Protein backbone atom coordinates (compact mmCIF):
# COMPACT_ATOMS: atom_id res chain seq x y z
CA ARG A 1 34.86 -5.31 1.34
CA PHE A 2 32.14 -8.47 2.00
CA ALA A 3 29.26 -5.57 2.64
CA PHE A 4 30.55 -4.27 -1.56
CA GLU A 5 29.86 -7.20 -2.80
CA GLU A 6 26.55 -8.00 -1.41
CA LEU A 7 25.47 -4.88 -2.54
CA PHE A 8 27.19 -5.10 -5.69
CA LEU A 9 25.33 -8.41 -6.40
CA ILE A 10 22.11 -6.97 -5.50
CA GLN A 11 22.63 -4.05 -7.57
CA LEU A 12 23.64 -6.30 -10.79
CA ASN A 13 20.70 -8.31 -10.61
CA ASN A 14 18.18 -4.90 -10.68
CA LEU A 15 20.14 -3.67 -13.73
CA TYR A 16 19.94 -7.58 -15.13
CA GLN A 17 16.14 -7.31 -14.22
CA LYS A 18 16.01 -4.31 -15.91
CA PHE A 19 17.62 -5.43 -19.06
CA SER A 20 15.40 -8.75 -19.27
CA LEU A 21 12.18 -6.60 -18.97
CA SER A 22 13.36 -4.37 -21.99
CA LYS A 23 13.33 -7.19 -24.13
CA GLU A 24 10.22 -8.45 -23.75
CA LYS A 25 6.90 -6.24 -25.85
CA ALA A 26 4.40 -4.59 -24.06
CA PRO A 27 0.95 -2.90 -25.80
CA ALA A 28 2.18 0.78 -26.81
CA MET A 29 -0.89 2.60 -25.94
CA ASP A 30 -2.05 6.38 -27.55
CA ASN A 31 -1.86 8.97 -25.12
CA ALA A 32 -5.65 9.28 -25.38
CA GLU A 33 -5.20 13.08 -24.28
CA ARG A 34 -8.52 13.91 -24.98
CA THR A 35 -9.71 10.89 -22.69
CA ILE A 36 -7.53 12.08 -19.71
CA SER A 37 -8.61 16.01 -20.35
CA ASN A 38 -12.11 15.19 -20.24
CA ALA A 39 -12.09 12.65 -17.27
CA ALA A 40 -10.05 15.40 -15.49
CA LYS A 41 -12.26 18.17 -15.89
CA ASN A 42 -15.24 15.95 -14.50
CA LEU A 43 -13.32 15.76 -11.09
CA PRO A 44 -14.60 16.95 -8.13
CA PHE A 45 -11.22 18.30 -7.47
CA GLU A 46 -7.89 20.18 -9.68
CA LEU A 47 -5.09 17.53 -9.60
CA THR A 48 -1.94 18.53 -8.15
CA LYS A 49 1.15 19.83 -9.78
CA SER A 50 3.02 16.26 -8.56
CA GLN A 51 -0.15 14.43 -9.50
CA LYS A 52 -0.19 15.83 -13.10
CA GLU A 53 3.75 15.23 -13.25
CA ALA A 54 3.40 11.53 -12.17
CA LEU A 55 0.45 10.72 -14.34
CA GLY A 56 2.86 12.45 -17.28
CA GLU A 57 6.10 10.23 -16.82
CA ILE A 58 3.33 6.95 -16.66
CA LEU A 59 2.01 7.94 -20.11
CA ILE A 60 5.06 8.24 -21.49
CA ASP A 61 6.02 4.76 -20.37
CA LEU A 62 2.45 3.58 -21.59
CA GLU A 63 3.08 5.18 -24.82
CA LYS A 64 6.36 2.52 -25.70
CA SER A 65 6.60 -1.04 -26.44
CA GLU A 66 8.87 -1.58 -23.74
CA PRO A 67 7.01 -2.99 -20.40
CA MET A 68 6.63 -0.09 -17.67
CA ASN A 69 8.04 -0.84 -14.27
CA ARG A 70 7.27 2.22 -12.07
CA LEU A 71 6.83 3.37 -8.04
CA LEU A 72 4.68 5.55 -7.72
CA GLN A 73 5.05 7.05 -4.01
CA GLY A 74 3.05 9.61 -2.14
CA ASP A 75 2.38 9.99 1.18
CA VAL A 76 -1.20 8.94 2.18
CA GLY A 77 -4.14 10.83 0.97
CA SER A 78 -1.68 12.73 -2.05
CA GLY A 79 -3.91 10.98 -4.78
CA LYS A 80 -2.52 8.11 -5.49
CA THR A 81 -5.56 6.12 -6.49
CA ILE A 82 -7.00 9.04 -8.86
CA VAL A 83 -3.40 8.47 -11.06
CA ALA A 84 -3.62 5.28 -11.54
CA GLY A 85 -7.63 5.17 -11.87
CA LEU A 86 -6.46 7.81 -15.15
CA ALA A 87 -3.89 5.46 -16.55
CA ALA A 88 -6.37 2.92 -16.72
CA LEU A 89 -8.27 5.09 -18.77
CA VAL A 90 -5.73 5.17 -21.48
CA SER A 91 -5.59 1.63 -21.39
CA ALA A 92 -9.57 0.96 -21.85
CA HIS A 93 -9.39 4.26 -24.66
CA ASN A 94 -6.61 1.72 -26.40
CA GLY A 95 -8.47 -1.47 -26.00
CA TYR A 96 -6.83 -3.29 -23.26
CA GLN A 97 -8.14 -4.03 -19.82
CA SER A 98 -6.03 -3.37 -16.39
CA ALA A 99 -6.06 -4.92 -13.26
CA ILE A 100 -5.63 -2.80 -9.75
CA MET A 101 -4.72 -5.18 -6.93
CA ALA A 102 -5.27 -4.19 -3.09
CA PRO A 103 -3.66 -5.87 -0.57
CA THR A 104 -7.28 -5.61 1.66
CA GLU A 105 -10.81 -6.36 0.96
CA ILE A 106 -11.39 -3.52 2.80
CA LEU A 107 -9.20 -1.05 0.64
CA ALA A 108 -10.04 -3.01 -2.51
CA ARG A 109 -13.47 -2.06 -2.52
CA GLN A 110 -12.71 1.85 -1.61
CA HIS A 111 -11.19 1.80 -4.36
CA TYR A 112 -14.20 0.13 -6.34
CA ARG A 113 -16.40 3.07 -5.27
CA THR A 114 -13.92 5.79 -5.90
CA LEU A 115 -13.00 4.90 -9.23
CA ALA A 116 -17.14 4.10 -9.80
CA LYS A 117 -17.46 7.63 -8.25
CA LEU A 118 -15.00 9.79 -10.08
CA PHE A 119 -15.64 8.24 -13.46
CA PRO A 120 -19.76 8.53 -14.03
CA ASN A 121 -18.99 8.46 -17.88
CA PHE A 122 -17.07 5.48 -17.94
CA THR A 123 -19.05 3.32 -19.46
CA GLN A 124 -16.69 0.15 -20.68
CA GLY A 125 -17.15 -1.44 -16.87
CA ILE A 126 -15.11 -1.22 -13.59
CA GLY A 127 -15.61 -4.16 -11.51
CA LEU A 128 -14.92 -5.56 -8.22
CA LEU A 129 -13.77 -9.27 -6.89
CA VAL A 130 -13.11 -9.94 -3.47
CA SER A 131 -13.13 -13.53 -2.09
CA LYS A 132 -16.65 -14.79 -3.13
CA GLU A 133 -18.15 -10.96 -3.82
CA VAL A 134 -18.58 -9.23 -7.20
CA HIS A 135 -19.89 -6.30 -8.30
CA VAL A 136 -19.63 -4.01 -11.96
CA SER A 137 -21.05 -0.84 -12.66
CA TYR A 138 -21.18 0.38 -16.04
CA GLY A 139 -21.24 4.34 -15.87
CA GLU A 140 -24.18 6.85 -14.60
CA GLY A 141 -23.03 5.32 -10.80
CA LEU A 142 -25.40 2.21 -11.10
CA GLU A 143 -24.29 -1.02 -10.02
CA THR A 144 -25.45 -3.97 -12.39
CA GLU A 145 -26.42 -7.16 -10.65
CA ILE A 146 -24.68 -10.32 -11.70
CA LYS A 147 -23.74 -13.91 -10.82
CA LYS A 148 -20.18 -14.76 -10.66
CA PRO A 149 -19.81 -17.14 -13.43
CA THR A 150 -21.28 -14.16 -16.01
CA PHE A 151 -19.13 -11.48 -14.20
CA LEU A 152 -16.23 -14.33 -15.25
CA LYS A 153 -16.94 -14.72 -18.17
CA GLU A 154 -17.68 -11.12 -19.33
CA ILE A 155 -13.61 -10.52 -17.90
CA SER A 156 -12.48 -13.42 -20.50
CA GLU A 157 -14.64 -11.48 -23.51
CA GLY A 158 -12.67 -8.24 -22.52
CA LYS A 159 -16.28 -6.23 -21.60
CA VAL A 160 -15.05 -5.15 -18.07
CA LYS A 161 -12.16 -3.10 -18.83
CA ILE A 162 -10.99 -2.20 -14.78
CA LEU A 163 -11.16 -4.98 -12.52
CA ILE A 164 -10.15 -4.15 -8.76
CA GLY A 165 -9.53 -6.69 -6.40
CA THR A 166 -7.17 -8.79 -4.08
CA HIS A 167 -5.13 -11.24 -4.77
CA ALA A 168 -7.91 -13.65 -6.10
CA LEU A 169 -7.28 -11.60 -9.93
CA ILE A 170 -3.77 -13.45 -10.32
CA GLU A 171 -6.02 -16.72 -9.87
CA LYS A 172 -6.32 -19.16 -12.89
CA LYS A 173 -9.94 -18.81 -12.99
CA VAL A 174 -9.90 -15.28 -14.06
CA ALA A 175 -8.68 -14.83 -17.61
CA PHE A 176 -8.54 -11.83 -19.48
CA LYS A 177 -9.00 -11.18 -22.96
CA ASN A 178 -6.09 -8.56 -23.03
CA LEU A 179 -4.56 -6.90 -19.97
CA GLY A 180 -2.88 -4.01 -20.86
CA LEU A 181 -1.68 -2.48 -17.01
CA VAL A 182 -1.10 -3.94 -13.60
CA VAL A 183 -1.60 -1.80 -10.83
CA VAL A 184 -0.58 -2.93 -7.32
CA ASP A 185 -1.04 -1.12 -3.77
CA GLU A 186 2.02 -2.09 -1.37
CA GLN A 187 3.49 -4.66 -3.31
CA HIS A 188 6.99 -3.52 -5.66
CA ARG A 189 7.65 -7.07 -6.50
CA PHE A 190 5.50 -8.28 -9.00
CA GLY A 191 7.94 -10.49 -11.74
CA VAL A 192 7.67 -10.33 -15.42
CA LYS A 193 6.58 -14.27 -15.27
CA GLN A 194 3.54 -13.03 -13.21
CA ARG A 195 2.74 -10.36 -15.52
CA ALA A 196 3.52 -12.69 -18.50
CA ALA A 197 0.92 -15.44 -17.21
CA LEU A 198 -1.74 -12.63 -17.13
CA SER A 199 -0.97 -11.60 -20.67
CA SER A 200 -2.33 -14.24 -22.73
CA HIS A 201 -2.84 -11.41 -26.21
CA ALA A 202 -0.35 -11.87 -28.90
CA GLY A 203 2.34 -12.70 -26.06
CA LEU A 204 2.43 -9.18 -24.82
CA VAL A 205 3.95 -8.66 -21.21
CA SER A 206 1.21 -5.83 -19.29
CA HIS A 207 2.45 -2.76 -18.22
CA PHE A 208 3.16 -2.50 -13.96
CA LEU A 209 2.63 0.37 -11.67
CA SER A 210 3.48 -0.14 -8.10
CA MET A 211 1.53 2.58 -5.70
CA SER A 212 2.90 3.13 -2.20
CA ALA A 213 2.36 5.42 0.76
CA THR A 214 4.55 3.90 2.62
CA PRO A 215 8.03 6.01 2.92
CA ILE A 216 10.78 4.39 1.67
CA PRO A 217 14.89 5.79 2.61
CA ARG A 218 17.05 6.84 -0.82
CA THR A 219 19.32 3.96 -0.08
CA ILE A 220 16.93 0.89 0.18
CA MET A 221 15.39 2.59 -2.65
CA MET A 222 18.61 2.05 -5.06
CA THR A 223 18.99 -1.11 -3.51
CA MET A 224 16.06 -2.79 -2.68
CA PHE A 225 13.88 -1.23 -5.52
CA GLY A 226 16.36 -0.42 -7.94
CA ASP A 227 15.03 -2.38 -11.02
CA LEU A 228 11.56 0.54 -10.87
CA ASP A 229 11.45 3.62 -12.23
CA LEU A 230 10.06 6.63 -9.53
CA SER A 231 7.52 8.95 -9.69
CA ILE A 232 6.76 10.95 -6.28
CA ILE A 233 3.41 12.69 -5.30
CA SER A 234 4.97 15.31 -2.84
CA GLU A 235 2.00 17.45 -2.20
CA LEU A 236 -1.12 16.57 -0.49
CA PRO A 237 -4.22 18.22 -1.81
CA LYS A 238 -5.80 21.98 -1.49
CA GLY A 239 -7.08 22.39 2.01
CA ARG A 240 -6.03 19.96 4.09
CA LYS A 241 -4.91 21.16 7.47
CA GLU A 242 -1.79 19.83 9.06
CA ILE A 243 -2.68 16.83 11.92
CA ILE A 244 -1.93 18.06 15.32
CA THR A 245 0.12 15.32 17.07
CA LYS A 246 0.91 14.85 20.41
CA ILE A 247 2.67 12.01 22.91
CA VAL A 248 0.35 11.34 25.77
CA GLU A 249 2.06 10.46 28.94
CA PRO A 250 0.14 7.63 31.48
CA GLU A 251 -0.86 10.50 33.58
CA ASN A 252 -2.53 12.53 30.99
CA ARG A 253 -4.34 9.62 29.53
CA ASP A 254 -8.02 10.94 31.59
CA LYS A 255 -7.36 14.43 29.78
CA ALA A 256 -7.03 12.98 26.62
CA TYR A 257 -10.36 10.65 26.92
CA ALA A 258 -11.93 13.76 27.89
CA PHE A 259 -11.52 15.63 24.72
CA ILE A 260 -11.98 12.51 22.75
CA ARG A 261 -15.18 12.67 24.17
CA GLY A 262 -15.78 16.27 23.71
CA GLN A 263 -14.70 15.76 19.80
CA VAL A 264 -17.09 12.43 19.40
CA ARG A 265 -20.50 14.73 21.18
CA ARG A 266 -19.28 17.76 18.02
CA GLY A 267 -19.87 14.99 15.53
CA ARG A 268 -16.62 13.54 14.90
CA GLN A 269 -15.15 9.75 14.79
CA VAL A 270 -11.99 8.23 16.21
CA PHE A 271 -9.39 5.28 15.60
CA VAL A 272 -8.38 3.46 18.24
CA VAL A 273 -4.98 1.22 17.10
CA CYS A 274 -3.67 -1.19 18.88
CA PRO A 275 -0.28 -2.99 18.04
CA ARG A 276 0.77 -6.09 16.27
CA ILE A 277 2.03 -8.95 19.34
CA GLU A 278 5.02 -10.04 17.69
CA PRO A 279 4.99 -13.93 16.56
CA SER A 280 8.08 -14.65 19.50
CA GLU A 281 4.99 -13.48 21.93
CA ALA A 282 3.04 -16.75 20.77
CA ASN A 283 3.07 -19.82 23.56
CA PRO A 284 6.24 -21.32 23.01
CA ILE A 285 4.77 -24.89 24.02
CA SER A 286 2.26 -24.52 20.94
CA SER A 287 3.41 -25.98 16.88
CA ASN A 288 0.99 -23.39 15.68
CA TRP A 289 2.65 -20.23 16.97
CA SER A 290 0.57 -18.27 13.98
CA SER A 291 -2.64 -19.33 15.08
CA ASP A 292 -1.23 -18.40 18.81
CA TRP A 293 -0.32 -14.84 17.13
CA GLU A 294 -3.68 -14.04 16.06
CA GLN A 295 -5.11 -14.88 19.10
CA LEU A 296 -3.20 -12.49 21.16
CA GLU A 297 -3.58 -10.12 18.43
CA ILE A 298 -7.14 -10.66 19.15
CA LYS A 299 -7.07 -10.13 22.53
CA SER A 300 -5.42 -7.20 22.27
CA VAL A 301 -8.29 -5.41 20.54
CA LYS A 302 -10.58 -7.00 22.42
CA GLU A 303 -9.40 -5.67 25.99
CA GLU A 304 -9.09 -2.71 24.32
CA TYR A 305 -12.41 -2.21 23.11
CA GLU A 306 -14.20 -4.04 26.47
CA LYS A 307 -12.21 -1.08 28.24
CA LEU A 308 -13.53 1.68 25.88
CA ALA A 309 -16.90 -0.07 25.71
CA LYS A 310 -18.15 -0.37 29.35
CA THR A 311 -15.63 1.72 31.45
CA VAL A 312 -14.32 5.05 29.46
CA PHE A 313 -16.72 5.54 27.10
CA PRO A 314 -19.85 3.76 28.00
CA ASP A 315 -22.13 6.33 26.47
CA LEU A 316 -20.61 6.29 22.95
CA LYS A 317 -21.25 3.85 20.41
CA VAL A 318 -17.75 1.34 20.33
CA ALA A 319 -16.87 -0.92 17.80
CA MET A 320 -13.96 -3.39 16.92
CA LEU A 321 -12.34 -4.95 14.12
CA HIS A 322 -9.46 -7.18 13.44
CA GLY A 323 -7.93 -9.84 11.03
CA LYS A 324 -9.85 -12.90 12.28
CA MET A 325 -13.44 -11.58 11.57
CA PRO A 326 -15.07 -13.01 8.98
CA ALA A 327 -15.27 -10.66 5.57
CA LYS A 328 -19.45 -10.43 4.99
CA GLY A 329 -22.28 -10.38 6.51
CA GLY A 330 -23.85 -9.75 10.54
CA SER A 331 -24.30 -6.37 12.03
CA VAL A 332 -22.29 -4.39 14.61
CA LEU A 333 -25.72 -4.27 16.96
CA GLY A 334 -25.42 -7.96 16.76
CA GLY A 335 -25.45 -11.55 15.09
CA LYS A 336 -21.92 -12.39 13.43
CA VAL A 337 -20.22 -9.13 13.42
CA THR A 338 -18.05 -8.92 10.10
CA LYS A 339 -15.42 -6.48 8.61
CA GLN A 340 -17.14 -5.28 6.01
CA GLN A 341 -20.24 -4.11 8.19
CA VAL A 342 -18.42 -2.90 10.79
CA MET A 343 -16.38 -0.37 8.20
CA ALA A 344 -19.69 0.11 6.46
CA ASP A 345 -21.47 1.78 10.17
CA PHE A 346 -18.15 3.69 11.01
CA ALA A 347 -18.24 4.87 7.24
CA GLY A 348 -22.01 6.04 8.07
CA GLY A 349 -21.38 7.52 11.06
CA LYS A 350 -23.52 4.70 13.10
CA VAL A 351 -19.53 4.06 15.22
CA ASP A 352 -18.14 6.67 17.22
CA ILE A 353 -14.66 4.75 18.13
CA LEU A 354 -13.57 1.72 15.79
CA VAL A 355 -11.28 0.09 17.74
CA SER A 356 -8.71 -2.16 15.21
CA THR A 357 -5.56 -3.73 14.36
CA SER A 358 -3.21 -2.30 11.83
CA VAL A 359 -5.76 -3.73 9.52
CA ILE A 360 -6.55 -0.21 9.04
CA GLU A 361 -3.39 1.00 8.30
CA VAL A 362 -3.80 0.82 4.56
CA GLY A 363 -6.42 2.89 2.70
CA VAL A 364 -9.26 3.26 5.04
CA ASP A 365 -10.80 6.72 4.21
CA VAL A 366 -13.38 8.26 6.63
CA GLN A 367 -13.78 11.77 6.39
CA ASN A 368 -15.59 12.30 9.29
CA ALA A 369 -12.88 10.63 11.48
CA THR A 370 -10.83 13.09 13.15
CA ILE A 371 -8.94 11.40 15.51
CA MET A 372 -6.46 8.61 15.77
CA MET A 373 -5.60 7.11 19.43
CA ILE A 374 -2.58 4.57 19.08
CA GLU A 375 -1.86 2.72 21.80
CA GLY A 376 1.87 1.19 22.56
CA SER A 377 2.97 3.61 19.80
CA GLU A 378 6.39 2.50 20.47
CA ARG A 379 5.58 -1.12 19.13
CA PHE A 380 5.11 0.67 15.54
CA GLY A 381 8.18 2.11 13.44
CA LEU A 382 7.63 5.23 12.60
CA ALA A 383 6.41 4.74 8.95
CA GLN A 384 3.61 2.41 10.05
CA LEU A 385 2.39 5.37 12.61
CA TYR A 386 2.70 8.02 9.42
CA GLN A 387 0.45 5.74 7.98
CA PHE A 388 -1.58 5.37 10.41
CA ARG A 389 -1.67 9.32 11.30
CA GLY A 390 -2.58 9.50 7.91
CA ARG A 391 -6.48 7.76 8.30
CA VAL A 392 -7.53 10.96 9.53
CA GLY A 393 -6.99 14.72 8.54
CA ARG A 394 -9.20 13.74 4.90
CA GLY A 395 -11.61 16.37 5.20
CA HIS A 396 -12.07 19.99 6.26
CA HIS A 397 -11.96 19.36 10.24
CA GLN A 398 -8.97 19.95 12.38
CA SER A 399 -7.43 16.24 12.91
CA PHE A 400 -5.52 14.97 15.84
CA CYS A 401 -3.17 11.96 16.07
CA PHE A 402 -2.43 10.64 19.83
CA LEU A 403 0.32 8.97 20.89
CA PHE A 404 0.35 6.63 23.86
CA THR A 405 3.03 5.51 25.46
CA GLU A 406 3.96 4.06 28.69
CA SER A 407 7.75 3.39 27.82
CA PRO A 408 10.53 5.34 29.60
CA SER A 409 12.52 4.75 27.54
CA LYS A 410 14.90 7.77 26.25
CA ASN A 411 15.61 6.27 22.55
CA THR A 412 11.47 5.51 22.18
CA ARG A 413 10.82 8.95 23.00
CA ASP A 414 12.91 10.22 20.35
CA ARG A 415 11.77 8.20 18.18
CA LEU A 416 8.14 9.54 18.81
CA ASN A 417 9.16 12.89 19.02
CA SER A 418 10.47 12.70 15.37
CA LEU A 419 7.03 11.93 14.15
CA LEU A 420 6.13 15.17 15.28
CA THR A 421 8.68 17.01 13.75
CA ALA A 422 9.44 15.45 10.35
CA LYS A 423 8.79 17.69 7.44
CA ASN A 424 7.60 14.67 5.15
CA GLY A 425 7.44 11.31 4.80
CA LEU A 426 10.86 10.50 3.33
CA GLU A 427 12.41 12.52 6.01
CA LEU A 428 10.94 10.69 8.88
CA ALA A 429 11.89 7.14 6.85
CA GLU A 430 15.52 8.10 7.06
CA LYS A 431 14.84 8.66 10.91
CA ASP A 432 13.07 5.76 11.39
CA LEU A 433 16.19 3.46 9.32
CA ARG A 434 18.79 5.19 11.61
CA PHE A 435 16.65 3.98 14.84
CA ARG A 436 15.73 0.94 14.06
CA GLY A 437 17.93 -0.09 11.22
CA PRO A 438 17.37 -1.97 7.88
CA GLY A 439 16.25 -5.23 9.32
CA GLU A 440 13.19 -3.69 10.93
CA PHE A 441 12.56 -1.55 8.09
CA LEU A 442 12.29 -4.27 5.53
CA GLY A 443 11.06 -7.54 7.61
CA LYS A 444 12.69 -10.75 9.01
CA GLU A 445 13.15 -12.12 5.61
CA GLN A 446 15.14 -10.70 2.68
CA ALA A 447 16.18 -13.48 0.37
CA GLY A 448 20.41 -12.58 -0.47
CA MET A 449 19.86 -10.25 2.11
CA PRO A 450 23.11 -11.18 4.90
CA ASP A 451 23.34 -9.00 7.98
CA ILE A 452 26.40 -7.69 6.72
CA ALA A 453 24.43 -5.84 3.76
CA MET A 454 21.66 -4.99 5.83
CA GLN A 455 23.76 -2.96 7.59
CA ALA A 456 25.66 -1.85 4.69
CA LEU A 457 22.16 -0.38 3.38
CA GLN A 458 22.88 2.46 6.33
CA LYS A 459 26.11 3.90 3.83
CA PRO A 460 24.90 6.08 1.63
CA GLU A 461 28.34 5.88 -0.10
CA LEU A 462 28.77 2.07 -0.21
CA VAL A 463 25.22 1.85 -1.99
CA LYS A 464 26.35 4.34 -4.87
CA ALA A 465 29.74 2.90 -5.30
CA SER A 466 28.24 -0.56 -5.91
CA ARG A 467 25.70 0.73 -8.29
CA SER A 468 28.27 1.99 -10.26
CA ALA A 469 30.28 -0.83 -10.30
CA ALA A 470 27.59 -2.84 -11.54
CA GLU A 471 26.57 -0.50 -14.08
CA LEU A 472 30.23 -0.22 -15.15
CA VAL A 473 30.10 -4.42 -15.52
CA ALA A 474 26.62 -4.34 -17.45
CA LYS A 475 27.80 -1.82 -20.09
CA ASN A 476 30.19 -4.64 -20.97
CA GLY A 477 27.27 -7.31 -21.63
CA TRP A 478 25.81 -9.99 -19.91
CA GLU A 479 27.88 -13.12 -20.79
CA MET A 480 30.96 -11.20 -18.72
CA LYS A 481 33.19 -12.98 -20.97
CA ASN A 482 36.09 -10.85 -19.09
CA TYR A 483 34.62 -11.79 -15.89
CA PRO A 484 34.05 -15.65 -15.78
CA ASP A 485 33.94 -16.17 -11.51
CA LEU A 486 32.14 -13.15 -11.11
CA TYR A 487 29.71 -14.63 -14.15
CA GLU A 488 29.42 -18.06 -11.95
CA LYS A 489 28.92 -15.94 -8.90
CA PHE A 490 26.02 -13.87 -10.20
CA ARG A 491 24.37 -17.12 -11.32
CA GLU A 492 24.80 -19.13 -8.22
CA PHE A 493 23.05 -15.36 -6.14
CA ARG A 494 20.29 -15.47 -8.64
CA ARG A 495 19.80 -19.13 -7.69
CA LYS A 496 20.12 -18.60 -4.23
CA VAL A 497 17.34 -15.95 -4.36
CA HIS A 498 15.04 -18.25 -6.79
CA LEU A 499 15.74 -15.82 -9.95
CA GLU A 500 16.96 -18.40 -12.05
């Protein structure tokens, strides 16, 4: 009963969020069929059936004067970026700007390169804004050199129609003239107030599209993201080979290393991922646990890098990548090594093996990389392992994922084996929910989510019942005249989760 009450209030809030958004006005856009058709014809590949279906659902939303609030879900490499890019073309065709936000600078740069390459005839400006770095392309694959103040001025004048970057895009210094579409990667919460702050054009609120490669279990989707409409890309592009996944026992480590060396000699490249170090493992005496955590995380990558570079693969080119490295400048071969240069050298084939933290989980696309080697694989959730594995298998060569573990636990083996047997990401997410529970899946800080409600997320019948009850109340109006006590309880819930 207590679990039902918590789920019911969350579901009621989802419906209220949808209701509130429906009262806002968004730019109603012409579907720009010719624009989409021409752009699709010039792509070096054909859109899959589910890409076309997802794009169709997004275009229907963009035609409405009610703001779109949609989640685009699809496996790593399924082609979400091009779908979002085509939606941004429609926005530009209607005279509006689009902002595409990525969680990391690496991913923002990749999105920029991808769209500039795939839309060579787009002359209305594709821009990149990350920390102190700016780029802009006005078609034909040519970048125009531009200083940041001039770049920001062109954005404010509406001359850059598609702007890609990190959360720097929503800082006060970045002023859009008429933002019609906001796309964010791996962040499903982006409120009406945030959109309204970005959209200063005639009081309109921009359309919103969230993209996620993280498979979300059905009960969590219904509860935590129940205010979002859902589009799913359920297939990978044609020609992709299934990634061969193996659990590597400690006694077989040397055999795996020998196989990796053989692949590198054939011209392939390798990712090596080391586990995150949890905050509880930081120095308990220190008051700055965040700094300790980061240092421990880096140390683990450094130790693996030293071992592979000096002992295991002294004849190969090994580099490392972690979140504390500076973003720009320097070189792998000397000086102050930076994230951008390491990734550029790896993508350019100058590095054989890249040792990294989970910073490569999202958005790194190196088609020549065919091996994903994961150290301490039991330390990661299945959804995260699924993301890592998706970093390979993006080209024409057969790819492999090696899960290294020294844990003797049967539960660990069962969990890792499910990565080998699951047919798709959604099935894997449901298994992850059973193995680890929703607390691990959603993260430690879920405002307004007590333990009893977290556990209830594993009970589909309770989630459905709470949704039905919330819909019944919502039908009778948000004043809740017949339910004064519930009205107060709901207000209290919204205050608790900082929504009022």
